[in-house]
N, C-alpha and C. Protein backbone atom coordinates (compact mmCIF):
# COMPACT_ATOMS: atom_id res chain seq x y z
N MET A 1 -82.27 -40.09 -17.84
CA MET A 1 -83.29 -40.03 -16.80
C MET A 1 -82.76 -39.20 -15.63
N ASN A 2 -83.54 -38.26 -15.16
CA ASN A 2 -83.13 -37.37 -14.09
C ASN A 2 -83.82 -37.79 -12.79
N ASP A 3 -83.07 -38.36 -11.87
CA ASP A 3 -83.63 -38.88 -10.62
C ASP A 3 -83.15 -38.05 -9.43
N THR A 4 -83.36 -36.72 -9.51
CA THR A 4 -82.91 -35.87 -8.42
C THR A 4 -83.93 -35.77 -7.31
N SER A 5 -85.20 -36.00 -7.59
CA SER A 5 -86.21 -35.88 -6.54
C SER A 5 -86.06 -36.97 -5.49
N GLY A 6 -85.64 -38.16 -5.89
CA GLY A 6 -85.42 -39.23 -4.92
C GLY A 6 -84.27 -38.92 -3.99
N GLY A 7 -83.19 -38.36 -4.54
CA GLY A 7 -82.04 -37.99 -3.72
C GLY A 7 -82.36 -36.86 -2.76
N ARG A 8 -83.13 -35.90 -3.23
CA ARG A 8 -83.52 -34.78 -2.35
C ARG A 8 -84.42 -35.26 -1.23
N ARG A 9 -85.32 -36.18 -1.56
CA ARG A 9 -86.21 -36.72 -0.54
C ARG A 9 -85.42 -37.45 0.54
N ILE A 10 -84.42 -38.21 0.13
CA ILE A 10 -83.59 -38.94 1.09
C ILE A 10 -82.81 -37.96 1.96
N LEU A 11 -82.22 -36.92 1.34
CA LEU A 11 -81.48 -35.94 2.12
C LEU A 11 -82.38 -35.20 3.10
N LEU A 12 -83.59 -34.87 2.69
CA LEU A 12 -84.53 -34.20 3.60
C LEU A 12 -84.93 -35.12 4.76
N LEU A 13 -85.12 -36.41 4.46
CA LEU A 13 -85.45 -37.37 5.51
C LEU A 13 -84.30 -37.51 6.49
N VAL A 14 -83.08 -37.62 5.98
CA VAL A 14 -81.90 -37.72 6.85
C VAL A 14 -81.75 -36.44 7.67
N GLY A 15 -81.93 -35.29 7.05
CA GLY A 15 -81.82 -34.02 7.76
C GLY A 15 -82.86 -33.88 8.86
N ALA A 16 -84.09 -34.24 8.56
CA ALA A 16 -85.15 -34.17 9.57
C ALA A 16 -84.87 -35.13 10.72
N SER A 17 -84.33 -36.29 10.39
CA SER A 17 -83.99 -37.27 11.44
C SER A 17 -82.89 -36.75 12.34
N VAL A 18 -81.88 -36.12 11.75
CA VAL A 18 -80.78 -35.57 12.54
C VAL A 18 -81.28 -34.44 13.44
N VAL A 19 -82.14 -33.59 12.93
CA VAL A 19 -82.69 -32.50 13.74
C VAL A 19 -83.53 -33.06 14.89
N ALA A 20 -84.33 -34.08 14.62
CA ALA A 20 -85.14 -34.69 15.68
C ALA A 20 -84.27 -35.36 16.73
N ILE A 21 -83.23 -36.06 16.30
CA ILE A 21 -82.32 -36.70 17.25
C ILE A 21 -81.59 -35.64 18.08
N SER A 22 -81.23 -34.53 17.46
CA SER A 22 -80.59 -33.44 18.20
C SER A 22 -81.51 -32.90 19.29
N GLY A 23 -82.78 -32.79 18.98
CA GLY A 23 -83.74 -32.32 19.97
C GLY A 23 -83.89 -33.29 21.13
N ILE A 24 -83.94 -34.58 20.81
CA ILE A 24 -84.07 -35.60 21.86
C ILE A 24 -82.83 -35.62 22.74
N LEU A 25 -81.65 -35.56 22.13
CA LEU A 25 -80.42 -35.54 22.91
C LEU A 25 -80.31 -34.26 23.74
N GLY A 26 -80.81 -33.15 23.21
CA GLY A 26 -80.81 -31.91 23.96
C GLY A 26 -81.63 -32.00 25.24
N VAL A 27 -82.73 -32.73 25.18
CA VAL A 27 -83.56 -32.92 26.39
C VAL A 27 -82.75 -33.66 27.45
N PHE A 28 -82.08 -34.73 27.06
CA PHE A 28 -81.30 -35.51 28.03
C PHE A 28 -80.11 -34.73 28.58
N ILE A 29 -79.42 -34.01 27.70
CA ILE A 29 -78.27 -33.23 28.15
C ILE A 29 -78.71 -32.08 29.05
N GLY A 30 -79.80 -31.41 28.68
CA GLY A 30 -80.31 -30.33 29.52
C GLY A 30 -80.79 -30.81 30.87
N GLU A 31 -81.38 -31.99 30.91
CA GLU A 31 -81.85 -32.55 32.17
C GLU A 31 -80.69 -32.86 33.11
N ASN A 32 -79.63 -33.42 32.58
CA ASN A 32 -78.47 -33.76 33.41
C ASN A 32 -77.56 -32.56 33.66
N GLY A 33 -77.48 -31.64 32.71
CA GLY A 33 -76.63 -30.47 32.87
C GLY A 33 -77.15 -29.48 33.88
N GLY A 34 -78.46 -29.48 34.12
CA GLY A 34 -79.05 -28.58 35.09
C GLY A 34 -78.59 -28.87 36.50
N GLN A 35 -78.13 -30.09 36.75
CA GLN A 35 -77.63 -30.46 38.07
C GLN A 35 -76.22 -29.94 38.31
N VAL A 36 -75.50 -29.63 37.23
CA VAL A 36 -74.11 -29.20 37.35
C VAL A 36 -74.00 -27.68 37.41
N ALA A 37 -74.68 -26.98 36.50
CA ALA A 37 -74.59 -25.52 36.43
C ALA A 37 -75.95 -24.96 36.03
N ALA A 38 -76.25 -23.75 36.46
CA ALA A 38 -77.53 -23.13 36.14
C ALA A 38 -77.57 -22.62 34.71
N GLU A 39 -76.42 -22.21 34.18
CA GLU A 39 -76.35 -21.75 32.79
C GLU A 39 -74.93 -21.94 32.27
N ILE A 40 -74.79 -21.95 30.95
CA ILE A 40 -73.48 -22.06 30.33
C ILE A 40 -73.32 -20.94 29.32
N SER A 41 -72.08 -20.63 29.00
CA SER A 41 -71.78 -19.59 28.03
C SER A 41 -71.38 -20.25 26.72
N LEU A 42 -72.06 -19.85 25.65
CA LEU A 42 -71.78 -20.39 24.33
C LEU A 42 -71.04 -19.35 23.51
N PHE A 43 -69.89 -19.74 22.99
CA PHE A 43 -69.09 -18.89 22.13
C PHE A 43 -68.69 -17.57 22.80
N GLY A 44 -68.73 -17.51 24.10
CA GLY A 44 -68.28 -16.34 24.83
C GLY A 44 -69.25 -15.18 24.90
N PHE A 45 -70.36 -15.23 24.18
CA PHE A 45 -71.29 -14.09 24.21
C PHE A 45 -72.75 -14.49 24.40
N LEU A 46 -73.07 -15.75 24.33
CA LEU A 46 -74.45 -16.20 24.48
C LEU A 46 -74.56 -17.06 25.73
N SER A 47 -75.46 -16.68 26.60
CA SER A 47 -75.68 -17.43 27.83
C SER A 47 -76.94 -18.28 27.67
N LEU A 48 -76.80 -19.58 27.91
CA LEU A 48 -77.90 -20.52 27.71
C LEU A 48 -78.23 -21.21 29.03
N PRO A 49 -79.48 -21.11 29.49
CA PRO A 49 -79.84 -21.83 30.72
C PRO A 49 -79.81 -23.33 30.47
N THR A 50 -79.44 -24.08 31.48
CA THR A 50 -79.34 -25.53 31.32
C THR A 50 -80.68 -26.19 31.65
N THR A 51 -81.64 -25.93 30.81
CA THR A 51 -82.95 -26.58 30.91
C THR A 51 -83.12 -27.50 29.71
N PRO A 52 -83.93 -28.53 29.86
CA PRO A 52 -84.15 -29.44 28.72
C PRO A 52 -84.69 -28.73 27.48
N LEU A 53 -85.61 -27.80 27.65
CA LEU A 53 -86.19 -27.10 26.51
C LEU A 53 -85.14 -26.24 25.79
N ALA A 54 -84.33 -25.52 26.55
CA ALA A 54 -83.31 -24.65 25.95
C ALA A 54 -82.28 -25.47 25.17
N PHE A 55 -81.82 -26.56 25.76
CA PHE A 55 -80.83 -27.38 25.07
C PHE A 55 -81.43 -28.08 23.86
N SER A 56 -82.67 -28.47 23.96
CA SER A 56 -83.33 -29.12 22.84
C SER A 56 -83.47 -28.15 21.67
N LEU A 57 -83.95 -26.95 21.94
CA LEU A 57 -84.10 -25.95 20.89
C LEU A 57 -82.76 -25.55 20.30
N TYR A 58 -81.75 -25.37 21.15
CA TYR A 58 -80.43 -25.01 20.66
C TYR A 58 -79.88 -26.11 19.75
N GLY A 59 -79.99 -27.35 20.16
CA GLY A 59 -79.49 -28.46 19.35
C GLY A 59 -80.21 -28.57 18.02
N MET A 60 -81.52 -28.38 18.03
CA MET A 60 -82.29 -28.48 16.80
C MET A 60 -81.97 -27.33 15.85
N VAL A 61 -81.90 -26.12 16.36
CA VAL A 61 -81.60 -24.97 15.51
C VAL A 61 -80.18 -25.06 14.97
N PHE A 62 -79.23 -25.41 15.82
CA PHE A 62 -77.83 -25.50 15.38
C PHE A 62 -77.66 -26.57 14.30
N SER A 63 -78.24 -27.75 14.52
CA SER A 63 -78.09 -28.81 13.51
C SER A 63 -78.84 -28.46 12.22
N ALA A 64 -79.99 -27.80 12.33
CA ALA A 64 -80.73 -27.41 11.12
C ALA A 64 -79.94 -26.38 10.31
N VAL A 65 -79.30 -25.43 10.97
CA VAL A 65 -78.52 -24.42 10.27
C VAL A 65 -77.31 -25.05 9.59
N ILE A 66 -76.60 -25.90 10.30
CA ILE A 66 -75.42 -26.55 9.72
C ILE A 66 -75.82 -27.44 8.55
N LEU A 67 -76.85 -28.26 8.72
CA LEU A 67 -77.29 -29.13 7.62
C LEU A 67 -77.83 -28.32 6.45
N GLY A 68 -78.55 -27.25 6.72
CA GLY A 68 -79.04 -26.39 5.65
C GLY A 68 -77.90 -25.80 4.84
N ALA A 69 -76.85 -25.36 5.52
CA ALA A 69 -75.69 -24.80 4.82
C ALA A 69 -75.00 -25.88 3.99
N LEU A 70 -74.85 -27.06 4.54
CA LEU A 70 -74.22 -28.16 3.79
C LEU A 70 -75.06 -28.57 2.59
N PHE A 71 -76.37 -28.68 2.77
CA PHE A 71 -77.24 -29.05 1.65
C PHE A 71 -77.24 -27.97 0.58
N ALA A 72 -77.21 -26.71 0.97
CA ALA A 72 -77.14 -25.62 -0.02
C ALA A 72 -75.82 -25.68 -0.79
N LEU A 73 -74.75 -25.99 -0.09
CA LEU A 73 -73.46 -26.13 -0.76
C LEU A 73 -73.46 -27.28 -1.76
N VAL A 74 -74.06 -28.40 -1.39
CA VAL A 74 -74.17 -29.54 -2.30
C VAL A 74 -75.01 -29.17 -3.52
N GLU A 75 -76.10 -28.45 -3.30
CA GLU A 75 -76.96 -28.01 -4.41
C GLU A 75 -76.19 -27.09 -5.35
N TYR A 76 -75.44 -26.16 -4.80
CA TYR A 76 -74.66 -25.23 -5.61
C TYR A 76 -73.61 -25.97 -6.45
N VAL A 77 -72.88 -26.87 -5.82
CA VAL A 77 -71.84 -27.61 -6.52
C VAL A 77 -72.47 -28.49 -7.61
N SER A 78 -73.61 -29.06 -7.32
CA SER A 78 -74.30 -29.88 -8.31
C SER A 78 -74.72 -29.05 -9.52
N ARG A 79 -75.23 -27.84 -9.28
CA ARG A 79 -75.62 -26.98 -10.40
C ARG A 79 -74.42 -26.53 -11.21
N VAL A 80 -73.32 -26.22 -10.55
CA VAL A 80 -72.11 -25.82 -11.26
C VAL A 80 -71.61 -26.99 -12.10
N GLU A 81 -71.64 -28.18 -11.57
CA GLU A 81 -71.17 -29.36 -12.29
C GLU A 81 -72.06 -29.66 -13.50
N ASN A 82 -73.37 -29.51 -13.35
CA ASN A 82 -74.29 -29.77 -14.44
C ASN A 82 -74.20 -28.71 -15.53
N ALA A 83 -73.75 -27.51 -15.17
CA ALA A 83 -73.66 -26.44 -16.17
C ALA A 83 -72.48 -26.64 -17.12
N ARG A 84 -71.55 -27.47 -16.76
CA ARG A 84 -70.36 -27.70 -17.60
C ARG A 84 -70.66 -28.59 -18.74
């Protein structure tokens, strides 16, 4: 019996939850960070204003990219393992 759809559904639910939580935390961090500095430098070349919307979007995009890469890696390893 092949029960991969249930596992994928759970991973997608966990991933969506993490992205949503990242957005919510970004709002709080951006709200409080705006009182300290007007903008911050990310990785030495990207300047990000300390607004709730900017931090929320950055957190959501960053977590989605990282989780997408990890999920793709898991999918690849799973296919390689099943091919043996």
